[in-house]
Amino acid sequence: MTKTTEARICTASLAVQPSSTKPASGTQPFGLRALWLHFANDLEVRRLAKLHLRIQRKEDGLNQLINERQKIMNRCIRRMRRANGKN
């Protein structure tokens, strides 16, 4: 078994990363306008990219849960109004 450096373990080759994660030209990377981002090295930028995708997936999942809760609440409110004779 060969030893590998930590940087090699943490990063994936470009062939493995999906092409849909590339930001459109002219946009800020990861939607950030922070000045400190210009001082991030290559390893930190790659880690930020992974974190950004994880955050987006979690936000999308949370939005789906909130939408499902809203649908259930609306159905229950309609039932409650019908039961009270208010249409």
N, C-alpha and C. Protein backbone atom coordinates (compact mmCIF):
# COMPACT_ATOMS: atom_id res chain seq x y z
N MET A 1 0.85 -1.17 0.00
CA MET A 1 0.00 0.00 0.00
C MET A 1 0.89 1.23 0.00
N THR A 2 0.61 2.18 -0.89
CA THR A 2 1.45 3.36 -0.98
C THR A 2 0.87 4.48 -0.16
N LYS A 3 1.76 5.34 0.31
CA LYS A 3 1.30 6.50 1.08
C LYS A 3 0.90 7.61 0.11
N THR A 4 -0.18 8.29 0.44
CA THR A 4 -0.60 9.44 -0.37
C THR A 4 -0.69 10.65 0.53
N THR A 5 -0.52 11.79 -0.06
CA THR A 5 -0.61 13.03 0.73
C THR A 5 -2.06 13.36 0.99
N GLU A 6 -2.26 14.19 2.00
CA GLU A 6 -3.63 14.57 2.37
C GLU A 6 -4.29 15.35 1.24
N ALA A 7 -3.54 16.20 0.55
CA ALA A 7 -4.11 16.98 -0.55
C ALA A 7 -4.61 16.08 -1.66
N ARG A 8 -3.92 14.98 -1.88
CA ARG A 8 -4.35 14.06 -2.93
C ARG A 8 -5.62 13.33 -2.54
N ILE A 9 -5.80 13.03 -1.29
CA ILE A 9 -6.99 12.32 -0.82
C ILE A 9 -8.21 13.23 -0.85
N CYS A 10 -8.02 14.51 -0.52
CA CYS A 10 -9.13 15.45 -0.38
C CYS A 10 -9.70 15.91 -1.71
N THR A 11 -8.94 15.83 -2.79
CA THR A 11 -9.41 16.38 -4.04
C THR A 11 -9.71 15.28 -5.04
N ALA A 12 -10.70 15.52 -5.86
CA ALA A 12 -11.05 14.58 -6.92
C ALA A 12 -10.52 15.10 -8.24
N SER A 13 -10.25 14.23 -9.14
CA SER A 13 -9.77 14.67 -10.44
C SER A 13 -10.89 15.37 -11.18
N LEU A 14 -10.54 16.20 -12.14
CA LEU A 14 -11.55 16.95 -12.87
C LEU A 14 -12.47 16.05 -13.67
N ALA A 15 -12.02 14.87 -14.06
CA ALA A 15 -12.84 13.96 -14.84
C ALA A 15 -13.99 13.39 -13.99
N VAL A 16 -13.82 13.38 -12.66
CA VAL A 16 -14.82 12.80 -11.78
C VAL A 16 -15.90 13.82 -11.43
N GLN A 17 -15.52 15.09 -11.38
CA GLN A 17 -16.46 16.12 -10.97
C GLN A 17 -17.47 16.38 -12.08
N PRO A 18 -18.75 16.53 -11.73
CA PRO A 18 -19.77 16.78 -12.76
C PRO A 18 -19.58 18.16 -13.39
N SER A 19 -19.90 18.27 -14.65
CA SER A 19 -19.70 19.54 -15.36
C SER A 19 -20.75 20.57 -14.98
N SER A 20 -21.88 20.16 -14.41
CA SER A 20 -22.95 21.09 -14.07
C SER A 20 -22.60 21.97 -12.89
N THR A 21 -21.52 21.68 -12.17
CA THR A 21 -21.16 22.47 -11.00
C THR A 21 -20.35 23.70 -11.37
N LYS A 22 -19.95 23.85 -12.63
CA LYS A 22 -19.16 24.99 -13.04
C LYS A 22 -20.05 26.23 -13.08
N PRO A 23 -19.59 27.34 -12.47
CA PRO A 23 -20.41 28.55 -12.51
C PRO A 23 -20.41 29.15 -13.91
N ALA A 24 -21.47 29.85 -14.23
CA ALA A 24 -21.55 30.50 -15.53
C ALA A 24 -20.50 31.61 -15.58
N SER A 25 -20.02 31.90 -16.78
CA SER A 25 -18.98 32.91 -16.90
C SER A 25 -19.55 34.27 -16.49
N GLY A 26 -18.73 35.05 -15.81
CA GLY A 26 -19.16 36.38 -15.38
C GLY A 26 -19.85 36.39 -14.03
N THR A 27 -20.04 35.25 -13.41
CA THR A 27 -20.67 35.20 -12.10
C THR A 27 -19.61 35.01 -11.03
N GLN A 28 -19.96 35.35 -9.82
CA GLN A 28 -19.05 35.17 -8.70
C GLN A 28 -19.00 33.69 -8.34
N PRO A 29 -17.82 33.16 -8.00
CA PRO A 29 -17.77 31.75 -7.61
C PRO A 29 -18.55 31.50 -6.32
N PHE A 30 -19.37 30.49 -6.33
CA PHE A 30 -20.19 30.07 -5.20
C PHE A 30 -21.18 31.15 -4.79
N GLY A 31 -21.41 32.15 -5.60
CA GLY A 31 -22.34 33.20 -5.25
C GLY A 31 -21.81 34.14 -4.19
N LEU A 32 -20.51 34.09 -3.91
CA LEU A 32 -19.90 34.93 -2.89
C LEU A 32 -19.20 36.11 -3.53
N ARG A 33 -19.30 37.25 -2.90
CA ARG A 33 -18.57 38.43 -3.35
C ARG A 33 -17.51 38.82 -2.34
N ALA A 34 -17.17 37.93 -1.45
CA ALA A 34 -16.25 38.24 -0.36
C ALA A 34 -14.84 38.51 -0.90
N LEU A 35 -14.20 39.54 -0.36
CA LEU A 35 -12.85 39.87 -0.77
C LEU A 35 -11.85 38.81 -0.35
N TRP A 36 -12.13 38.12 0.75
CA TRP A 36 -11.20 37.10 1.24
C TRP A 36 -11.09 35.93 0.28
N LEU A 37 -12.09 35.74 -0.57
CA LEU A 37 -12.08 34.61 -1.49
C LEU A 37 -10.91 34.69 -2.47
N HIS A 38 -10.45 35.89 -2.77
CA HIS A 38 -9.32 36.05 -3.69
C HIS A 38 -8.01 35.55 -3.06
N PHE A 39 -8.00 35.40 -1.75
CA PHE A 39 -6.79 34.95 -1.06
C PHE A 39 -6.82 33.47 -0.73
N ALA A 40 -7.86 32.77 -1.15
CA ALA A 40 -7.94 31.33 -0.91
C ALA A 40 -7.04 30.58 -1.89
N ASN A 41 -6.35 29.58 -1.39
CA ASN A 41 -5.50 28.80 -2.29
C ASN A 41 -6.35 27.75 -3.01
N ASP A 42 -5.72 26.99 -3.90
CA ASP A 42 -6.44 26.04 -4.75
C ASP A 42 -7.17 24.98 -3.92
N LEU A 43 -6.52 24.48 -2.89
CA LEU A 43 -7.12 23.45 -2.04
C LEU A 43 -8.35 24.00 -1.31
N GLU A 44 -8.25 25.22 -0.83
CA GLU A 44 -9.38 25.84 -0.13
C GLU A 44 -10.54 26.12 -1.08
N VAL A 45 -10.24 26.51 -2.30
CA VAL A 45 -11.30 26.78 -3.28
C VAL A 45 -12.03 25.48 -3.62
N ARG A 46 -11.28 24.39 -3.76
CA ARG A 46 -11.93 23.09 -4.03
C ARG A 46 -12.82 22.68 -2.86
N ARG A 47 -12.34 22.88 -1.63
CA ARG A 47 -13.15 22.54 -0.46
C ARG A 47 -14.39 23.42 -0.38
N LEU A 48 -14.24 24.71 -0.69
CA LEU A 48 -15.39 25.61 -0.71
C LEU A 48 -16.42 25.17 -1.75
N ALA A 49 -15.94 24.67 -2.89
CA ALA A 49 -16.85 24.20 -3.93
C ALA A 49 -17.67 23.01 -3.42
N LYS A 50 -16.99 22.07 -2.74
CA LYS A 50 -17.71 20.91 -2.20
C LYS A 50 -18.72 21.34 -1.14
N LEU A 51 -18.29 22.24 -0.26
CA LEU A 51 -19.20 22.72 0.79
C LEU A 51 -20.40 23.45 0.19
N HIS A 52 -20.14 24.24 -0.86
CA HIS A 52 -21.21 24.98 -1.50
C HIS A 52 -22.28 24.03 -2.06
N LEU A 53 -21.83 22.94 -2.69
CA LEU A 53 -22.78 21.97 -3.24
C LEU A 53 -23.55 21.27 -2.12
N ARG A 54 -22.87 20.93 -1.03
CA ARG A 54 -23.55 20.29 0.11
C ARG A 54 -24.60 21.22 0.70
N ILE A 55 -24.26 22.50 0.82
CA ILE A 55 -25.20 23.48 1.36
C ILE A 55 -26.40 23.62 0.44
N GLN A 56 -26.16 23.66 -0.88
CA GLN A 56 -27.27 23.77 -1.83
C GLN A 56 -28.20 22.56 -1.73
N ARG A 57 -27.63 21.36 -1.63
CA ARG A 57 -28.47 20.16 -1.53
C ARG A 57 -29.30 20.19 -0.26
N LYS A 58 -28.69 20.61 0.85
CA LYS A 58 -29.44 20.67 2.11
C LYS A 58 -30.54 21.72 2.04
N GLU A 59 -30.25 22.86 1.42
CA GLU A 59 -31.27 23.89 1.26
C GLU A 59 -32.42 23.39 0.38
N ASP A 60 -32.08 22.69 -0.69
CA ASP A 60 -33.12 22.13 -1.57
C ASP A 60 -33.98 21.13 -0.82
N GLY A 61 -33.35 20.28 -0.03
CA GLY A 61 -34.11 19.30 0.76
C GLY A 61 -35.00 19.98 1.77
N LEU A 62 -34.50 21.01 2.42
CA LEU A 62 -35.30 21.75 3.40
C LEU A 62 -36.48 22.43 2.71
N ASN A 63 -36.25 23.00 1.53
CA ASN A 63 -37.35 23.64 0.80
C ASN A 63 -38.42 22.63 0.42
N GLN A 64 -38.02 21.43 0.05
CA GLN A 64 -39.00 20.40 -0.28
C GLN A 64 -39.83 20.02 0.95
N LEU A 65 -39.18 19.90 2.10
CA LEU A 65 -39.90 19.57 3.33
C LEU A 65 -40.87 20.68 3.71
N ILE A 66 -40.44 21.93 3.57
CA ILE A 66 -41.31 23.05 3.90
C ILE A 66 -42.51 23.09 2.96
N ASN A 67 -42.29 22.82 1.67
CA ASN A 67 -43.40 22.79 0.71
C ASN A 67 -44.39 21.68 1.04
N GLU A 68 -43.87 20.51 1.42
CA GLU A 68 -44.76 19.40 1.78
C GLU A 68 -45.57 19.76 3.02
N ARG A 69 -44.93 20.37 4.01
CA ARG A 69 -45.64 20.79 5.22
C ARG A 69 -46.73 21.80 4.88
N GLN A 70 -46.43 22.74 3.97
CA GLN A 70 -47.41 23.75 3.57
C GLN A 70 -48.62 23.10 2.90
N LYS A 71 -48.39 22.09 2.06
CA LYS A 71 -49.50 21.40 1.40
C LYS A 71 -50.39 20.70 2.43
N ILE A 72 -49.77 20.04 3.41
CA ILE A 72 -50.54 19.35 4.45
C ILE A 72 -51.34 20.36 5.26
N MET A 73 -50.70 21.48 5.61
CA MET A 73 -51.41 22.51 6.37
C MET A 73 -52.60 23.04 5.59
N ASN A 74 -52.42 23.29 4.30
CA ASN A 74 -53.53 23.81 3.48
C ASN A 74 -54.68 22.81 3.40
N ARG A 75 -54.36 21.52 3.24
CA ARG A 75 -55.42 20.51 3.21
C ARG A 75 -56.19 20.48 4.53
N CYS A 76 -55.46 20.55 5.63
CA CYS A 76 -56.11 20.53 6.94
C CYS A 76 -56.97 21.77 7.17
N ILE A 77 -56.48 22.91 6.71
CA ILE A 77 -57.26 24.15 6.85
C ILE A 77 -58.54 24.06 6.04
N ARG A 78 -58.47 23.50 4.82
CA ARG A 78 -59.69 23.34 4.01
C ARG A 78 -60.68 22.41 4.69
N ARG A 79 -60.19 21.30 5.26
CA ARG A 79 -61.07 20.38 5.97
C ARG A 79 -61.73 21.06 7.17
N MET A 80 -60.94 21.85 7.90
CA MET A 80 -61.45 22.55 9.07
C MET A 80 -62.54 23.54 8.65
N ARG A 81 -62.33 24.26 7.58
CA ARG A 81 -63.34 25.23 7.10
C ARG A 81 -64.61 24.53 6.64
N ARG A 82 -64.43 23.39 5.95
CA ARG A 82 -65.60 22.65 5.51
C ARG A 82 -66.39 22.13 6.71
N ALA A 83 -65.67 21.67 7.75
CA ALA A 83 -66.34 21.15 8.94
C ALA A 83 -67.10 22.24 9.66
N ASN A 84 -66.63 23.48 9.58
CA ASN A 84 -67.29 24.59 10.24
C ASN A 84 -68.34 25.24 9.35
N GLY A 85 -68.53 24.72 8.14
CA GLY A 85 -69.52 25.26 7.23
C GLY A 85 -69.05 26.48 6.48
N LYS A 86 -67.77 26.77 6.52
CA LYS A 86 -67.21 27.93 5.79
C LYS A 86 -66.52 27.40 4.54
N ASN A 87 -67.07 27.75 3.39
CA ASN A 87 -66.44 27.28 2.14
C ASN A 87 -65.65 28.36 1.53
